Amino acid sequence: MTGAANYFGSILLAAWLVSAAMGDQPFDAVSSFLGSPIGLIILFGYTWSVMHHMLGGVRHFIWDFGYGFEIPTVRALSWGTLLGSLTLTAVIWVSAVSHWGAAR
């Protein structure tokens, strides 16, 4: 699921970058969409997806070394991935919003 969300989010990121290269009008249009409530929800979900996918990769990296296969450890790593991704997403968005507010 996170891989599919990352794919879709990466297309949006590419569209934003291409629109920046095309000029002010396309960039403003894409930025306007991404700054709308639905766009912000999509960006928030994309952020969570990237964080969750990254921490899932760390979990698999641990498993690649032959550690963490006991059921309690598997559960702890799974919960850690979920809670860690939610925490990182919150930190990123709080930081971005506070920075954006200070820049205005």
Protein backbone atom coordinates (compact mmCIF):
# COMPACT_ATOMS: atom_id res chain seq x y z
CA MET A 1 0.00 0.00 0.00
CA THR A 2 2.73 2.49 0.90
CA GLY A 3 4.57 1.67 -2.31
CA ALA A 4 1.47 2.55 -4.36
CA ALA A 5 0.96 5.77 -2.35
CA ASN A 6 4.64 6.63 -2.85
CA TYR A 7 4.26 6.08 -6.59
CA PHE A 8 1.26 8.42 -6.79
CA GLY A 9 2.92 11.01 -4.54
CA SER A 10 6.07 10.92 -6.61
CA ILE A 11 4.01 11.68 -9.71
CA LEU A 12 2.62 14.74 -7.90
CA LEU A 13 6.13 15.78 -6.88
CA ALA A 14 7.31 15.41 -10.48
CA ALA A 15 4.31 17.44 -11.72
CA TRP A 16 5.16 20.20 -9.25
CA LEU A 17 8.81 20.25 -10.40
CA VAL A 18 7.84 20.23 -14.09
CA SER A 19 5.34 23.04 -13.49
CA ALA A 20 8.13 25.08 -11.86
CA ALA A 21 10.19 24.65 -15.01
CA MET A 22 7.26 25.65 -17.23
CA GLY A 23 6.74 29.08 -15.71
CA ASP A 24 4.72 31.03 -13.20
CA GLN A 25 1.22 30.18 -14.41
CA PRO A 26 1.58 26.34 -14.38
CA PHE A 27 3.53 26.50 -11.11
CA ASP A 28 0.85 28.65 -9.48
CA ALA A 29 -1.86 26.25 -10.65
CA VAL A 30 -0.15 23.15 -9.24
CA SER A 31 0.85 24.97 -6.05
CA SER A 32 -2.72 26.20 -5.65
CA PHE A 33 -4.03 22.63 -5.87
CA LEU A 34 -1.40 21.29 -3.46
CA GLY A 35 -2.16 24.15 -1.05
CA SER A 36 -5.91 23.42 -1.08
CA PRO A 37 -7.45 21.32 1.71
CA ILE A 38 -7.55 18.19 -0.50
CA GLY A 39 -4.00 18.82 -1.68
CA LEU A 40 -2.78 19.17 1.89
CA ILE A 41 -4.50 15.92 2.85
CA ILE A 42 -2.80 14.20 -0.08
CA LEU A 43 0.59 15.68 0.89
CA PHE A 44 0.08 14.64 4.52
CA GLY A 45 -0.75 11.09 3.41
CA TYR A 46 2.27 11.07 1.11
CA THR A 47 4.50 12.18 3.96
CA TRP A 48 3.17 9.42 6.21
CA SER A 49 3.54 6.88 3.41
CA VAL A 50 7.19 7.78 2.82
CA MET A 51 7.97 7.63 6.56
CA HIS A 52 6.15 4.33 7.02
CA HIS A 53 7.82 2.80 3.97
CA MET A 54 11.24 4.00 5.18
CA LEU A 55 10.81 2.55 8.68
CA GLY A 56 9.48 -0.69 7.17
CA GLY A 57 12.72 -0.82 5.17
CA VAL A 58 14.72 -0.40 8.38
CA ARG A 59 12.73 -3.27 9.93
CA HIS A 60 13.53 -5.49 6.93
CA PHE A 61 17.17 -4.42 7.11
CA ILE A 62 17.26 -5.68 10.71
CA TRP A 63 15.69 -8.93 9.58
CA ASP A 64 18.28 -9.26 6.78
CA PHE A 65 20.92 -9.56 9.47
CA GLY A 66 18.99 -12.39 11.11
CA TYR A 67 17.66 -10.47 14.11
CA GLY A 68 14.16 -9.78 15.37
CA PHE A 69 12.32 -12.92 14.31
CA GLU A 70 10.91 -13.73 17.75
CA ILE A 71 7.17 -13.00 17.81
CA PRO A 72 7.38 -10.34 20.57
CA THR A 73 10.16 -8.58 18.65
CA VAL A 74 8.21 -8.79 15.39
CA ARG A 75 5.23 -7.18 17.11
CA ALA A 76 7.40 -4.49 18.71
CA LEU A 77 9.04 -3.67 15.38
CA SER A 78 5.63 -3.53 13.67
CA TRP A 79 4.22 -1.18 16.29
CA GLY A 80 7.46 0.82 16.22
CA THR A 81 7.12 1.23 12.47
CA LEU A 82 3.54 2.46 12.78
CA LEU A 83 4.08 4.76 15.77
CA GLY A 84 7.42 5.98 14.44
CA SER A 85 5.94 6.89 11.07
CA LEU A 86 3.09 8.78 12.71
CA THR A 87 5.52 10.61 14.99
CA LEU A 88 7.91 11.52 12.18
CA THR A 89 5.03 12.73 10.03
CA ALA A 90 3.76 14.92 12.86
CA VAL A 91 7.25 16.33 13.49
CA ILE A 92 7.73 17.12 9.80
CA TRP A 93 4.37 18.84 9.46
CA VAL A 94 4.62 20.80 12.72
CA SER A 95 8.08 21.93 11.67
CA ALA A 96 6.92 22.87 8.17
CA VAL A 97 3.86 24.74 9.39
CA SER A 98 5.80 26.64 12.04
CA HIS A 99 8.51 27.51 9.50
CA TRP A 100 5.95 28.54 6.89
CA GLY A 101 4.12 30.68 9.45
CA ALA A 102 7.35 32.38 10.52
CA ALA A 103 8.30 33.07 6.90
CA ARG A 104 5.05 34.89 6.21
